[in-house]
C-alpha cells in the first residue's frame, strides 16, 4: 500500500471537520532540539475550517504529528484565492502561562518523571529509552516546555513526537550512514555554512524520493562542491506531500542543560561510582555533582559555609572551575571550557552546616 499524507482538521471541541489530501505547498520542520512546525497553503474554497483555535493532525506515512493552527493568512494571486496556515506542535502549548512552573522536584524512574511533568496538560508520556533513576530540581519560574526540554537534556536524550505523545529517545535516526547525495539522486543543491551554529545547511531537489529523516547519519558526496563528508541530520524541512523537496541541516547535536532553572542533578546510576567513598563518612558530609557541556554553571542544593572539595574531569578538551559565592557562602561553580563540545564532570564533597543533615 502506498504511503499517504493527509491533513485532518479538528474544531475546538475535538470534532473532525475537514480532511485535506491536496495542497498548493507544505513544509514540515522537525529538529532534534524539539522544534516542530508545519506550514501549508490551499485554495480558498478548501479553507472553510482553517481557523485559529482549530487543531491539525498530520499523517505522513508512518509518522503522525499533532499541531495547533496559530496563524491564518488569505491572499489573491494570479486569479487564485489562497489560504495559508502556520501550525505549531502541541508541545508549544506548554509555553502558555497556565502551565508555568515555579518549582519542580523529582527523583525516580524517568518515565514517572515525564508523566509528572506532563500532568494536567494535553500531552502524554510515551516511549523512553532510559531506565535507572533521574533527578531534576527547579526553583525558578519557567514555562512547562522549558522544563520539559531541561528534563530531556538532563537525561541526555532526544525528543520525538507521535501525535500528542512525547517520546524521549537515547538517539533518533539511523546509526548507519545513508547515502544522501549523488548525480543519480540530486537535481539541484546549495550549501550554507554557519560557523556560529557549527552547522551546514543543504537545500536539495531530488530526482527520486530518499528515505531518510531527522537524526540519521548521512554520507554526503557531491563532486562539483568537492563534498565527501559523514555527518548527522540535526534538522530537516520537507514537503510531506512531495518528499523530493527537502532541506537538511547537518552537524553535531549536543542537548543543552540550562543553568537558569536551579540545580540539575544528572542520572544517579551514572554517578554511583563517585559516591562510594561517601559511605565511610559521617552524616555531616554530602555531595553535589553534575555534568556541564561547554561553559556553564552548576548551583548547589544549599549554600555551604566551608569550601567544598572539588574533583573535576573533562572530556573533549580542557576546562577549569571557579566557585560562585553569595553572602560569603559557596553556592555553586562556574566552568569555563576550551570549546562548546567539552563535557566536564564535577563532584563536590561538602560539609553540611550544623542545622543541615543529609
C-alpha atoms as a PDB file:
ATOM      1  CA  UNK A   1       0.000   0.000   0.000  1.00  0.00           C
ATOM      2  CA  UNK A   2       1.368   3.407  -0.938  1.00  0.00           C
ATOM      3  CA  UNK A   3       2.104   5.825   1.853  1.00  0.00           C
ATOM      4  CA  UNK A   4      -0.476   8.616   2.058  1.00  0.00           C
ATOM      5  CA  UNK A   5      -0.310  12.106   3.534  1.00  0.00           C
ATOM      6  CA  UNK A   6      -3.459  13.646   4.997  1.00  0.00           C
ATOM      7  CA  UNK A   7      -4.169  16.818   6.963  1.00  0.00           C
ATOM      8  CA  UNK A   8      -7.045  16.274   9.403  1.00  0.00           C
ATOM      9  CA  UNK A   9      -8.558  19.426  10.899  1.00  0.00           C
ATOM     10  CA  UNK A  10     -10.449  19.338  14.211  1.00  0.00           C
ATOM     11  CA  UNK A  11     -12.544  22.091  15.780  1.00  0.00           C
ATOM     12  CA  UNK A  12     -12.076  23.303  19.360  1.00  0.00           C
ATOM     13  CA  UNK A  13     -14.468  20.610  20.583  1.00  0.00           C
ATOM     14  CA  UNK A  14     -12.325  17.868  19.047  1.00  0.00           C
ATOM     15  CA  UNK A  15     -14.665  17.084  16.137  1.00  0.00           C
ATOM     16  CA  UNK A  16     -13.171  16.194  12.749  1.00  0.00           C
ATOM     17  CA  UNK A  17     -14.334  18.904  10.349  1.00  0.00           C
ATOM     18  CA  UNK A  18     -12.029  18.582   7.318  1.00  0.00           C
ATOM     19  CA  UNK A  19      -9.648  16.191   5.579  1.00  0.00           C
ATOM     20  CA  UNK A  20      -7.169  17.631   3.094  1.00  0.00           C
ATOM     21  CA  UNK A  21      -5.191  15.482   0.678  1.00  0.00           C
ATOM     22  CA  UNK A  22      -4.126  18.148  -1.854  1.00  0.00           C
ATOM     23  CA  UNK A  23      -2.182  21.329  -1.103  1.00  0.00           C
ATOM     24  CA  UNK A  24      -0.515  24.109  -3.057  1.00  0.00           C
ATOM     25  CA  UNK A  25       2.531  23.995  -0.784  1.00  0.00           C
ATOM     26  CA  UNK A  26       3.578  22.469   2.519  1.00  0.00           C
ATOM     27  CA  UNK A  27       6.645  22.472   4.760  1.00  0.00           C
ATOM     28  CA  UNK A  28       7.173  20.315   7.835  1.00  0.00           C
ATOM     29  CA  UNK A  29      10.184  21.140  10.009  1.00  0.00           C
ATOM     30  CA  UNK A  30      11.428  18.633  12.572  1.00  0.00           C
ATOM     31  CA  UNK A  31      14.608  19.179  14.622  1.00  0.00           C
ATOM     32  CA  UNK A  32      16.470  17.290  17.335  1.00  0.00           C
ATOM     33  CA  UNK A  33      16.186  20.301  19.671  1.00  0.00           C
ATOM     34  CA  UNK A  34      12.386  19.910  19.794  1.00  0.00           C
ATOM     35  CA  UNK A  35      11.414  22.454  17.139  1.00  0.00           C
ATOM     36  CA  UNK A  36       8.419  21.174  15.151  1.00  0.00           C
ATOM     37  CA  UNK A  37       6.283  23.363  12.879  1.00  0.00           C
ATOM     38  CA  UNK A  38       4.069  22.900   9.836  1.00  0.00           C
ATOM     39  CA  UNK A  39       3.042  25.430   7.167  1.00  0.00           C
ATOM     40  CA  UNK A  40       0.662  24.724   4.297  1.00  0.00           C
ATOM     41  CA  UNK A  41      -1.456  26.553   1.754  1.00  0.00           C
ATOM     42  CA  UNK A  42      -4.607  25.516  -0.122  1.00  0.00           C
ATOM     43  CA  UNK A  43      -7.148  27.078  -2.430  1.00  0.00           C
ATOM     44  CA  UNK A  44      -9.553  29.322  -0.508  1.00  0.00           C
ATOM     45  CA  UNK A  45     -12.577  27.189  -1.351  1.00  0.00           C
ATOM     46  CA  UNK A  46     -10.988  24.372   0.679  1.00  0.00           C
ATOM     47  CA  UNK A  47     -10.220  26.583   3.669  1.00  0.00           C
ATOM     48  CA  UNK A  48     -13.586  26.944   5.413  1.00  0.00           C
ATOM     49  CA  UNK A  49     -12.376  25.136   8.525  1.00  0.00           C
ATOM     50  CA  UNK A  50      -8.833  26.504   8.639  1.00  0.00           C
ATOM     51  CA  UNK A  51      -9.233  28.760  11.662  1.00  0.00           C
ATOM     52  CA  UNK A  52      -7.097  29.856  14.585  1.00  0.00           C
ATOM     53  CA  UNK A  53      -8.062  27.682  17.526  1.00  0.00           C
ATOM     54  CA  UNK A  54      -8.587  24.573  15.452  1.00  0.00           C
ATOM     55  CA  UNK A  55      -6.064  21.756  15.568  1.00  0.00           C
ATOM     56  CA  UNK A  56      -4.345  19.674  12.901  1.00  0.00           C
ATOM     57  CA  UNK A  57      -3.338  16.029  12.813  1.00  0.00           C
ATOM     58  CA  UNK A  58      -0.813  15.396  10.050  1.00  0.00           C
ATOM     59  CA  UNK A  59      -0.267  11.797   8.982  1.00  0.00           C
ATOM     60  CA  UNK A  60       2.664  11.275   6.646  1.00  0.00           C
ATOM     61  CA  UNK A  61       3.437   7.627   6.046  1.00  0.00           C
ATOM     62  CA  UNK A  62       4.281   6.085   9.413  1.00  0.00           C
ATOM     63  CA  UNK A  63       4.638   9.490  11.095  1.00  0.00           C
ATOM     64  CA  UNK A  64       1.929  11.383  12.957  1.00  0.00           C
ATOM     65  CA  UNK A  65       2.120  14.949  14.255  1.00  0.00           C
ATOM     66  CA  UNK A  66      -0.378  16.998  16.286  1.00  0.00           C
ATOM     67  CA  UNK A  67      -0.433  20.775  15.761  1.00  0.00           C
ATOM     68  CA  UNK A  68      -2.384  23.892  16.669  1.00  0.00           C
ATOM     69  CA  UNK A  69      -3.211  26.452  13.970  1.00  0.00           C
ATOM     70  CA  UNK A  70      -1.657  29.705  15.200  1.00  0.00           C
ATOM     71  CA  UNK A  71      -1.796  31.907  12.083  1.00  0.00           C
ATOM     72  CA  UNK A  72      -4.069  32.102   9.027  1.00  0.00           C
ATOM     73  CA  UNK A  73      -3.403  34.349   6.024  1.00  0.00           C
ATOM     74  CA  UNK A  74      -5.525  34.802   2.882  1.00  0.00           C
ATOM     75  CA  UNK A  75      -4.339  36.273  -0.415  1.00  0.00           C
ATOM     76  CA  UNK A  76      -5.288  36.708  -4.052  1.00  0.00           C
ATOM     77  CA  UNK A  77      -2.617  35.907  -6.648  1.00  0.00           C
ATOM     78  CA  UNK A  78      -2.761  35.002 -10.362  1.00  0.00           C
ATOM     79  CA  UNK A  79      -6.550  34.834 -10.175  1.00  0.00           C
ATOM     80  CA  UNK A  80      -6.323  32.345  -7.315  1.00  0.00           C
ATOM     81  CA  UNK A  81      -7.657  32.823  -3.804  1.00  0.00           C
ATOM     82  CA  UNK A  82      -5.167  31.205  -1.432  1.00  0.00           C
ATOM     83  CA  UNK A  83      -5.326  30.395   2.269  1.00  0.00           C
ATOM     84  CA  UNK A  84      -2.101  29.762   4.198  1.00  0.00           C
ATOM     85  CA  UNK A  85      -1.821  28.321   7.697  1.00  0.00           C
ATOM     86  CA  UNK A  86       1.031  28.253  10.205  1.00  0.00           C
ATOM     87  CA  UNK A  87       0.939  25.479  12.794  1.00  0.00           C
ATOM     88  CA  UNK A  88       2.958  24.765  15.938  1.00  0.00           C
ATOM     89  CA  UNK A  89       3.325  21.380  17.566  1.00  0.00           C
ATOM     90  CA  UNK A  90       1.021  20.725  20.512  1.00  0.00           C
ATOM     91  CA  UNK A  91       4.019  20.827  22.856  1.00  0.00           C
ATOM     92  CA  UNK A  92       4.217  24.596  22.239  1.00  0.00           C
ATOM     93  CA  UNK A  93       1.040  24.847  24.356  1.00  0.00           C
ATOM     94  CA  UNK A  94       3.338  24.272  27.308  1.00  0.00           C
ATOM     95  CA  UNK A  95       4.624  27.815  26.783  1.00  0.00           C
ATOM     96  CA  UNK A  96       1.199  29.134  27.855  1.00  0.00           C
ATOM     97  CA  UNK A  97       1.236  30.857  31.231  1.00  0.00           C
ATOM     98  CA  UNK A  98      -1.340  28.491  32.723  1.00  0.00           C
ATOM     99  CA  UNK A  99       1.235  25.697  32.542  1.00  0.00           C
ATOM    100  CA  UNK A 100       4.115  27.684  34.113  1.00  0.00           C
ATOM    101  CA  UNK A 101       6.077  26.057  36.925  1.00  0.00           C
ATOM    102  CA  UNK A 102       7.553  27.782  39.949  1.00  0.00           C
ATOM    103  CA  UNK A 103       9.096  24.615  41.352  1.00  0.00           C
ATOM    104  CA  UNK A 104       9.685  21.016  40.372  1.00  0.00           C
ATOM    105  CA  UNK A 105      11.496  18.417  42.472  1.00  0.00           C
ATOM    106  CA  UNK A 106      11.625  14.855  41.210  1.00  0.00           C
ATOM    107  CA  UNK A 107      13.835  11.837  41.816  1.00  0.00           C
ATOM    108  CA  UNK A 108      12.892   8.443  40.429  1.00  0.00           C
ATOM    109  CA  UNK A 109      12.171   6.476  37.279  1.00  0.00           C
ATOM    110  CA  UNK A 110      12.492   8.557  34.070  1.00  0.00           C
ATOM    111  CA  UNK A 111       9.004   7.609  32.813  1.00  0.00           C
ATOM    112  CA  UNK A 112       7.386   8.601  36.116  1.00  0.00           C
ATOM    113  CA  UNK A 113       9.187  11.932  35.975  1.00  0.00           C
ATOM    114  CA  UNK A 114       7.930  12.662  32.468  1.00  0.00           C
ATOM    115  CA  UNK A 115       4.390  11.714  33.484  1.00  0.00           C
ATOM    116  CA  UNK A 116       4.586  14.076  36.450  1.00  0.00           C
ATOM    117  CA  UNK A 117       5.948  16.866  34.240  1.00  0.00           C
ATOM    118  CA  UNK A 118       3.087  16.462  31.722  1.00  0.00           C
ATOM    119  CA  UNK A 119       0.348  16.042  34.322  1.00  0.00           C
ATOM    120  CA  UNK A 120      -2.584  18.372  33.672  1.00  0.00           C
ATOM    121  CA  UNK A 121      -1.611  19.077  30.044  1.00  0.00           C
ATOM    122  CA  UNK A 122      -2.948  17.762  26.723  1.00  0.00           C
ATOM    123  CA  UNK A 123       0.179  15.672  26.212  1.00  0.00           C
ATOM    124  CA  UNK A 124       1.061  12.204  27.459  1.00  0.00           C
ATOM    125  CA  UNK A 125       4.280  10.306  28.102  1.00  0.00           C
ATOM    126  CA  UNK A 126       5.224   7.721  25.501  1.00  0.00           C
ATOM    127  CA  UNK A 127       8.366   5.655  24.996  1.00  0.00           C
ATOM    128  CA  UNK A 128      11.549   6.377  26.973  1.00  0.00           C
ATOM    129  CA  UNK A 129      14.828   4.632  26.200  1.00  0.00           C
ATOM    130  CA  UNK A 130      16.105   5.235  29.733  1.00  0.00           C
ATOM    131  CA  UNK A 131      15.994   3.253  32.964  1.00  0.00           C
ATOM    132  CA  UNK A 132      17.547   3.746  36.385  1.00  0.00           C
ATOM    133  CA  UNK A 133      16.989   6.951  38.294  1.00  0.00           C
ATOM    134  CA  UNK A 134      16.926  10.629  37.334  1.00  0.00           C
ATOM    135  CA  UNK A 135      16.807  13.741  39.495  1.00  0.00           C
ATOM    136  CA  UNK A 136      15.694  17.218  38.459  1.00  0.00           C
ATOM    137  CA  UNK A 137      15.225  20.263  40.664  1.00  0.00           C
ATOM    138  CA  UNK A 138      13.763  23.598  39.524  1.00  0.00           C
ATOM    139  CA  UNK A 139      13.056  26.539  41.819  1.00  0.00           C
ATOM    140  CA  UNK A 140      12.771  29.360  39.266  1.00  0.00           C
ATOM    141  CA  UNK A 141       9.613  30.300  37.374  1.00  0.00           C
ATOM    142  CA  UNK A 142       9.711  28.798  33.900  1.00  0.00           C
ATOM    143  CA  UNK A 143       7.417  27.523  31.183  1.00  0.00           C
ATOM    144  CA  UNK A 144       6.423  23.862  31.259  1.00  0.00           C
ATOM    145  CA  UNK A 145       8.032  23.461  27.827  1.00  0.00           C
ATOM    146  CA  UNK A 146      11.364  24.809  29.108  1.00  0.00           C
ATOM    147  CA  UNK A 147      11.161  22.308  31.968  1.00  0.00           C
ATOM    148  CA  UNK A 148      10.390  19.513  29.502  1.00  0.00           C
ATOM    149  CA  UNK A 149      13.407  20.367  27.345  1.00  0.00           C
ATOM    150  CA  UNK A 150      15.532  20.560  30.501  1.00  0.00           C
ATOM    151  CA  UNK A 151      14.355  17.089  31.503  1.00  0.00           C
ATOM    152  CA  UNK A 152      15.245  15.702  28.068  1.00  0.00           C
ATOM    153  CA  UNK A 153      18.693  17.320  28.249  1.00  0.00           C
ATOM    154  CA  UNK A 154      19.421  16.015  31.748  1.00  0.00           C
ATOM    155  CA  UNK A 155      18.584  12.513  30.547  1.00  0.00           C
ATOM    156  CA  UNK A 156      20.921  13.074  27.604  1.00  0.00           C
ATOM    157  CA  UNK A 157      18.112  12.107  25.233  1.00  0.00           C
ATOM    158  CA  UNK A 158      16.380  13.445  22.130  1.00  0.00           C
ATOM    159  CA  UNK A 159      12.700  14.345  21.975  1.00  0.00           C
ATOM    160  CA  UNK A 160      10.404  12.675  19.455  1.00  0.00           C
ATOM    161  CA  UNK A 161       6.718  13.323  18.814  1.00  0.00           C
ATOM    162  CA  UNK A 162       3.943  10.857  17.967  1.00  0.00           C
ATOM    163  CA  UNK A 163       0.633  12.707  17.850  1.00  0.00           C
ATOM    164  CA  UNK A 164       0.038  14.044  21.372  1.00  0.00           C
ATOM    165  CA  UNK A 165       2.647  11.707  22.825  1.00  0.00           C
ATOM    166  CA  UNK A 166       6.138  12.739  23.955  1.00  0.00           C
ATOM    167  CA  UNK A 167       8.897  10.163  23.485  1.00  0.00           C
ATOM    168  CA  UNK A 168      12.476  10.544  24.711  1.00  0.00           C
ATOM    169  CA  UNK A 169      14.953   8.518  22.699  1.00  0.00           C
ATOM    170  CA  UNK A 170      18.568   7.808  23.508  1.00  0.00           C
ATOM    171  CA  UNK A 171      19.201   8.541  19.839  1.00  0.00           C
ATOM    172  CA  UNK A 172      16.901   9.348  16.946  1.00  0.00           C
ATOM    173  CA  UNK A 173      17.567   8.126  13.448  1.00  0.00           C
ATOM    174  CA  UNK A 174      19.781   5.531  11.832  1.00  0.00           C
ATOM    175  CA  UNK A 175      23.239   4.794  13.174  1.00  0.00           C
ATOM    176  CA  UNK A 176      24.351   3.565   9.771  1.00  0.00           C
ATOM    177  CA  UNK A 177      25.446   6.129   7.211  1.00  0.00           C
ATOM    178  CA  UNK A 178      22.901   6.656   4.451  1.00  0.00           C
ATOM    179  CA  UNK A 179      23.966   7.828   1.016  1.00  0.00           C
ATOM    180  CA  UNK A 180      22.126  11.131   0.565  1.00  0.00           C
ATOM    181  CA  UNK A 181      23.588  12.819  -2.483  1.00  0.00           C
ATOM    182  CA  UNK A 182      24.962  11.915  -5.874  1.00  0.00           C
ATOM    183  CA  UNK A 183      24.386  12.622  -9.546  1.00  0.00           C
ATOM    184  CA  UNK A 184      21.670   9.981  -9.813  1.00  0.00           C
ATOM    185  CA  UNK A 185      19.579  11.395  -6.960  1.00  0.00           C
ATOM    186  CA  UNK A 186      20.049  15.172  -6.847  1.00  0.00           C
ATOM    187  CA  UNK A 187      18.987  17.696  -9.477  1.00  0.00           C
ATOM    188  CA  UNK A 188      19.711  20.946  -7.555  1.00  0.00           C
ATOM    189  CA  UNK A 189      21.829  21.593  -4.482  1.00  0.00           C
ATOM    190  CA  UNK A 190      23.056  24.551  -2.457  1.00  0.00           C
ATOM    191  CA  UNK A 191      25.054  24.585   0.778  1.00  0.00           C
ATOM    192  CA  UNK A 192      25.396  27.221   3.513  1.00  0.00           C
ATOM    193  CA  UNK A 193      27.943  27.017   6.318  1.00  0.00           C
ATOM    194  CA  UNK A 194      27.287  28.709   9.688  1.00  0.00           C
ATOM    195  CA  UNK A 195      30.357  28.954  11.900  1.00  0.00           C
ATOM    196  CA  UNK A 196      28.412  30.371  14.855  1.00  0.00           C
ATOM    197  CA  UNK A 197      25.970  27.459  14.967  1.00  0.00           C
ATOM    198  CA  UNK A 198      28.562  24.929  13.761  1.00  0.00           C
ATOM    199  CA  UNK A 199      26.138  23.630  11.130  1.00  0.00           C
ATOM    200  CA  UNK A 200      25.904  23.219   7.395  1.00  0.00           C
ATOM    201  CA  UNK A 201      22.548  23.565   5.616  1.00  0.00           C
ATOM    202  CA  UNK A 202      21.879  21.736   2.346  1.00  0.00           C
ATOM    203  CA  UNK A 203      18.940  22.582   0.087  1.00  0.00           C
ATOM    204  CA  UNK A 204      18.176  19.613  -2.131  1.00  0.00           C
ATOM    205  CA  UNK A 205      15.858  18.866  -5.010  1.00  0.00           C
ATOM    206  CA  UNK A 206      15.781  15.194  -5.775  1.00  0.00           C
ATOM    207  CA  UNK A 207      15.101  13.123  -8.840  1.00  0.00           C
ATOM    208  CA  UNK A 208      13.702  10.431  -6.589  1.00  0.00           C
ATOM    209  CA  UNK A 209      12.465  10.092  -3.028  1.00  0.00           C
ATOM    210  CA  UNK A 210      15.162   9.247  -0.498  1.00  0.00           C
ATOM    211  CA  UNK A 211      14.145   7.577   2.743  1.00  0.00           C
ATOM    212  CA  UNK A 212      15.931   9.466   5.497  1.00  0.00           C
ATOM    213  CA  UNK A 213      14.863  11.536   8.484  1.00  0.00           C
ATOM    214  CA  UNK A 214      15.913  13.707  11.402  1.00  0.00           C
ATOM    215  CA  UNK A 215      18.715  12.129  13.403  1.00  0.00           C
ATOM    216  CA  UNK A 216      20.020   9.906  10.611  1.00  0.00           C
ATOM    217  CA  UNK A 217      23.723   9.609   9.937  1.00  0.00           C
ATOM    218  CA  UNK A 218      24.385  10.589   6.322  1.00  0.00           C
ATOM    219  CA  UNK A 219      27.215  10.334   3.831  1.00  0.00           C
ATOM    220  CA  UNK A 220      27.168  13.403   1.576  1.00  0.00           C
ATOM    221  CA  UNK A 221      29.027  13.187  -1.712  1.00  0.00           C
ATOM    222  CA  UNK A 222      28.823  15.917  -4.351  1.00  0.00           C
ATOM    223  CA  UNK A 223      31.826  16.193  -6.659  1.00  0.00           C
ATOM    224  CA  UNK A 224      31.184  19.739  -8.031  1.00  0.00           C
ATOM    225  CA  UNK A 225      31.469  21.133  -4.464  1.00  0.00           C
ATOM    226  CA  UNK A 226      34.226  18.662  -3.512  1.00  0.00           C
ATOM    227  CA  UNK A 227      31.964  17.340  -0.785  1.00  0.00           C
ATOM    228  CA  UNK A 228      32.632  13.987   0.823  1.00  0.00           C
ATOM    229  CA  UNK A 229      31.557  14.138   4.469  1.00  0.00           C
ATOM    230  CA  UNK A 230      29.988  11.867   7.045  1.00  0.00           C
ATOM    231  CA  UNK A 231      27.716  13.722   9.434  1.00  0.00           C
ATOM    232  CA  UNK A 232      24.259  13.710  11.023  1.00  0.00           C
ATOM    233  CA  UNK A 233      20.938  15.372  10.199  1.00  0.00           C
ATOM    234  CA  UNK A 234      20.049  17.629  13.152  1.00  0.00           C
ATOM    235  CA  UNK A 235      17.053  19.282  11.453  1.00  0.00           C
ATOM    236  CA  UNK A 236      15.027  18.649   8.326  1.00  0.00           C
ATOM    237  CA  UNK A 237      12.381  20.637   6.444  1.00  0.00           C
ATOM    238  CA  UNK A 238      10.421  18.935   3.703  1.00  0.00           C
ATOM    239  CA  UNK A 239       7.119  18.792   1.891  1.00  0.00           C
ATOM    240  CA  UNK A 240       5.303  15.720   3.285  1.00  0.00           C
ATOM    241  CA  UNK A 241       3.215  15.622   0.085  1.00  0.00           C
ATOM    242  CA  UNK A 242       6.371  15.594  -2.076  1.00  0.00           C
ATOM    243  CA  UNK A 243       9.477  14.219  -0.384  1.00  0.00           C
ATOM    244  CA  UNK A 244      11.640  15.404  -3.284  1.00  0.00           C
ATOM    245  CA  UNK A 245      11.628  18.924  -1.798  1.00  0.00           C
ATOM    246  CA  UNK A 246      13.998  18.673   1.160  1.00  0.00           C
ATOM    247  CA  UNK A 247      16.262  20.945   3.196  1.00  0.00           C
ATOM    248  CA  UNK A 248      18.563  19.370   5.769  1.00  0.00           C
ATOM    249  CA  UNK A 249      20.825  20.811   8.446  1.00  0.00           C
ATOM    250  CA  UNK A 250      23.760  18.671   9.462  1.00  0.00           C
ATOM    251  CA  UNK A 251      26.247  18.931  12.286  1.00  0.00           C
ATOM    252  CA  UNK A 252      26.791  17.774  15.853  1.00  0.00           C
ATOM    253  CA  UNK A 253      23.865  17.888  18.264  1.00  0.00           C
ATOM    254  CA  UNK A 254      24.506  18.215  21.989  1.00  0.00           C
ATOM    255  CA  UNK A 255      21.496  18.729  24.293  1.00  0.00           C
ATOM    256  CA  UNK A 256      21.947  21.900  26.335  1.00  0.00           C
ATOM    257  CA  UNK A 257      21.308  21.850  30.081  1.00  0.00           C
ATOM    258  CA  UNK A 258      20.270  25.317  31.256  1.00  0.00           C
ATOM    259  CA  UNK A 259      21.845  26.713  34.410  1.00  0.00           C
ATOM    260  CA  UNK A 260      18.972  29.152  34.948  1.00  0.00           C
ATOM    261  CA  UNK A 261      16.430  26.772  36.487  1.00  0.00           C
ATOM    262  CA  UNK A 262      18.497  25.991  39.620  1.00  0.00           C
ATOM    263  CA  UNK A 263      20.285  22.755  40.498  1.00  0.00           C
ATOM    264  CA  UNK A 264      20.427  19.973  37.936  1.00  0.00           C
ATOM    265  CA  UNK A 265      21.327  16.511  39.168  1.00  0.00           C
ATOM    266  CA  UNK A 266      22.136  14.029  36.428  1.00  0.00           C
ATOM    267  CA  UNK A 267      21.428  10.294  36.251  1.00  0.00           C
ATOM    268  CA  UNK A 268      22.122   8.932  39.720  1.00  0.00           C
ATOM    269  CA  UNK A 269      23.097   5.499  38.457  1.00  0.00           C
ATOM    270  CA  UNK A 270      25.794   7.025  36.255  1.00  0.00           C
ATOM    271  CA  UNK A 271      27.218   8.843  39.291  1.00  0.00           C
ATOM    272  CA  UNK A 272      27.012   5.981  41.793  1.00  0.00           C
ATOM    273  CA  UNK A 273      30.681   5.033  41.427  1.00  0.00           C
ATOM    274  CA  UNK A 274      31.628   8.560  42.503  1.00  0.00           C
ATOM    275  CA  UNK A 275      29.722   8.165  45.779  1.00  0.00           C
ATOM    276  CA  UNK A 276      31.428   5.043  47.129  1.00  0.00           C
ATOM    277  CA  UNK A 277      33.876   6.931  49.325  1.00  0.00           C
ATOM    278  CA  UNK A 278      30.996   8.827  50.984  1.00  0.00           C
ATOM    279  CA  UNK A 279      29.768   5.605  52.561  1.00  0.00           C
ATOM    280  CA  UNK A 280      32.669   5.813  55.018  1.00  0.00           C
ATOM    281  CA  UNK A 281      31.885   9.396  56.017  1.00  0.00           C
ATOM    282  CA  UNK A 282      29.732  10.696  58.853  1.00  0.00           C
ATOM    283  CA  UNK A 283      26.357  12.361  58.368  1.00  0.00           C
ATOM    284  CA  UNK A 284      27.836  15.879  58.354  1.00  0.00           C
ATOM    285  CA  UNK A 285      29.080  15.414  54.790  1.00  0.00           C
ATOM    286  CA  UNK A 286      27.181  15.312  51.498  1.00  0.00           C
ATOM    287  CA  UNK A 287      27.960  15.516  47.778  1.00  0.00           C
ATOM    288  CA  UNK A 288      26.933  17.721  44.892  1.00  0.00           C
ATOM    289  CA  UNK A 289      27.610  16.607  41.339  1.00  0.00           C
ATOM    290  CA  UNK A 290      26.704  17.183  37.708  1.00  0.00           C
ATOM    291  CA  UNK A 291      27.942  17.359  34.129  1.00  0.00           C
ATOM    292  CA  UNK A 292      28.243  20.537  32.056  1.00  0.00           C
ATOM    293  CA  UNK A 293      28.608  20.636  28.266  1.00  0.00           C
ATOM    294  CA  UNK A 294      30.732  23.578  27.153  1.00  0.00           C
ATOM    295  CA  UNK A 295      30.908  26.526  29.560  1.00  0.00           C
ATOM    296  CA  UNK A 296      28.217  26.948  32.182  1.00  0.00           C
ATOM    297  CA  UNK A 297      27.226  26.991  35.834  1.00  0.00           C
ATOM    298  CA  UNK A 298      26.097  24.427  38.392  1.00  0.00           C
ATOM    299  CA  UNK A 299      24.288  25.568  41.550  1.00  0.00           C
ATOM    300  CA  UNK A 300      24.304  23.643  44.818  1.00  0.00           C
ATOM    301  CA  UNK A 301      21.143  22.479  46.573  1.00  0.00           C
ATOM    302  CA  UNK A 302      22.078  24.635  49.597  1.00  0.00           C
ATOM    303  CA  UNK A 303      24.729  27.219  50.440  1.00  0.00           C
ATOM    304  CA  UNK A 304      27.882  25.954  52.220  1.00  0.00           C
ATOM    305  CA  UNK A 305      29.992  27.882  54.707  1.00  0.00           C
ATOM    306  CA  UNK A 306      33.077  25.667  54.322  1.00  0.00           C
ATOM    307  CA  UNK A 307      34.801  25.488  50.950  1.00  0.00           C
ATOM    308  CA  UNK A 308      33.835  22.195  49.226  1.00  0.00           C
ATOM    309  CA  UNK A 309      36.477  19.815  47.909  1.00  0.00           C
ATOM    310  CA  UNK A 310      36.144  19.514  44.137  1.00  0.00           C
ATOM    311  CA  UNK A 311      37.053  16.714  41.746  1.00  0.00           C
ATOM    312  CA  UNK A 312      36.888  17.655  38.053  1.00  0.00           C
ATOM    313  CA  UNK A 313      37.367  15.690  34.855  1.00  0.00           C
ATOM    314  CA  UNK A 314      36.800  16.852  31.284  1.00  0.00           C
ATOM    315  CA  UNK A 315      36.355  15.000  28.007  1.00  0.00           C
ATOM    316  CA  UNK A 316      36.936  16.570  24.588  1.00  0.00           C
ATOM    317  CA  UNK A 317      39.146  19.437  25.730  1.00  0.00           C
ATOM    318  CA  UNK A 318      40.204  21.348  28.811  1.00  0.00           C
ATOM    319  CA  UNK A 319      38.176  23.139  31.471  1.00  0.00           C
ATOM    320  CA  UNK A 320      38.699  24.993  34.726  1.00  0.00           C
ATOM    321  CA  UNK A 321      36.330  25.762  37.589  1.00  0.00           C
ATOM    322  CA  UNK A 322      35.743  28.716  39.904  1.00  0.00           C
ATOM    323  CA  UNK A 323      33.387  28.753  42.877  1.00  0.00           C
ATOM    324  CA  UNK A 324      30.327  31.025  42.868  1.00  0.00           C
ATOM    325  CA  UNK A 325      29.966  32.954  46.137  1.00  0.00           C
ATOM    326  CA  UNK A 326      26.971  34.718  47.667  1.00  0.00           C
ATOM    327  CA  UNK A 327      26.987  36.449  51.072  1.00  0.00           C
ATOM    328  CA  UNK A 328      30.277  34.772  51.876  1.00  0.00           C
ATOM    329  CA  UNK A 329      28.945  31.270  51.181  1.00  0.00           C
ATOM    330  CA  UNK A 330      29.630  28.743  48.418  1.00  0.00           C
ATOM    331  CA  UNK A 331      26.515  28.423  46.245  1.00  0.00           C
ATOM    332  CA  UNK A 332      27.813  26.835  43.031  1.00  0.00           C
ATOM    333  CA  UNK A 333      30.550  26.582  40.445  1.00  0.00           C
ATOM    334  CA  UNK A 334      31.291  28.266  37.119  1.00  0.00           C
ATOM    335  CA  UNK A 335      33.023  26.160  34.439  1.00  0.00           C
ATOM    336  CA  UNK A 336      34.934  27.667  31.519  1.00  0.00           C
ATOM    337  CA  UNK A 337      35.670  25.145  28.758  1.00  0.00           C
ATOM    338  CA  UNK A 338      38.065  25.364  25.819  1.00  0.00           C
ATOM    339  CA  UNK A 339      35.238  24.634  23.357  1.00  0.00           C
ATOM    340  CA  UNK A 340      31.481  24.002  23.281  1.00  0.00           C
ATOM    341  CA  UNK A 341      31.882  20.204  22.964  1.00  0.00           C
ATOM    342  CA  UNK A 342      33.826  19.666  26.195  1.00  0.00           C
ATOM    343  CA  UNK A 343      31.890  17.597  28.751  1.00  0.00           C
ATOM    344  CA  UNK A 344      33.003  18.397  32.311  1.00  0.00           C
ATOM    345  CA  UNK A 345      32.063  16.116  35.215  1.00  0.00           C
ATOM    346  CA  UNK A 346      32.106  17.676  38.680  1.00  0.00           C
ATOM    347  CA  UNK A 347      31.881  16.126  42.140  1.00  0.00           C
ATOM    348  CA  UNK A 348      31.960  18.266  45.288  1.00  0.00           C
ATOM    349  CA  UNK A 349      32.412  16.875  48.812  1.00  0.00           C
ATOM    350  CA  UNK A 350      30.678  19.354  51.083  1.00  0.00           C
ATOM    351  CA  UNK A 351      30.464  19.922  54.832  1.00  0.00           C
ATOM    352  CA  UNK A 352      26.871  20.454  55.879  1.00  0.00           C
ATOM    353  CA  UNK A 353      26.025  23.430  58.083  1.00  0.00           C
ATOM    354  CA  UNK A 354      25.231  22.440  61.662  1.00  0.00           C
ATOM    355  CA  UNK A 355      21.494  22.812  61.016  1.00  0.00           C
ATOM    356  CA  UNK A 356      21.506  20.545  57.935  1.00  0.00           C
ATOM    357  CA  UNK A 357      21.504  16.757  57.605  1.00  0.00           C
ATOM    358  CA  UNK A 358      21.607  14.520  54.574  1.00  0.00           C
END
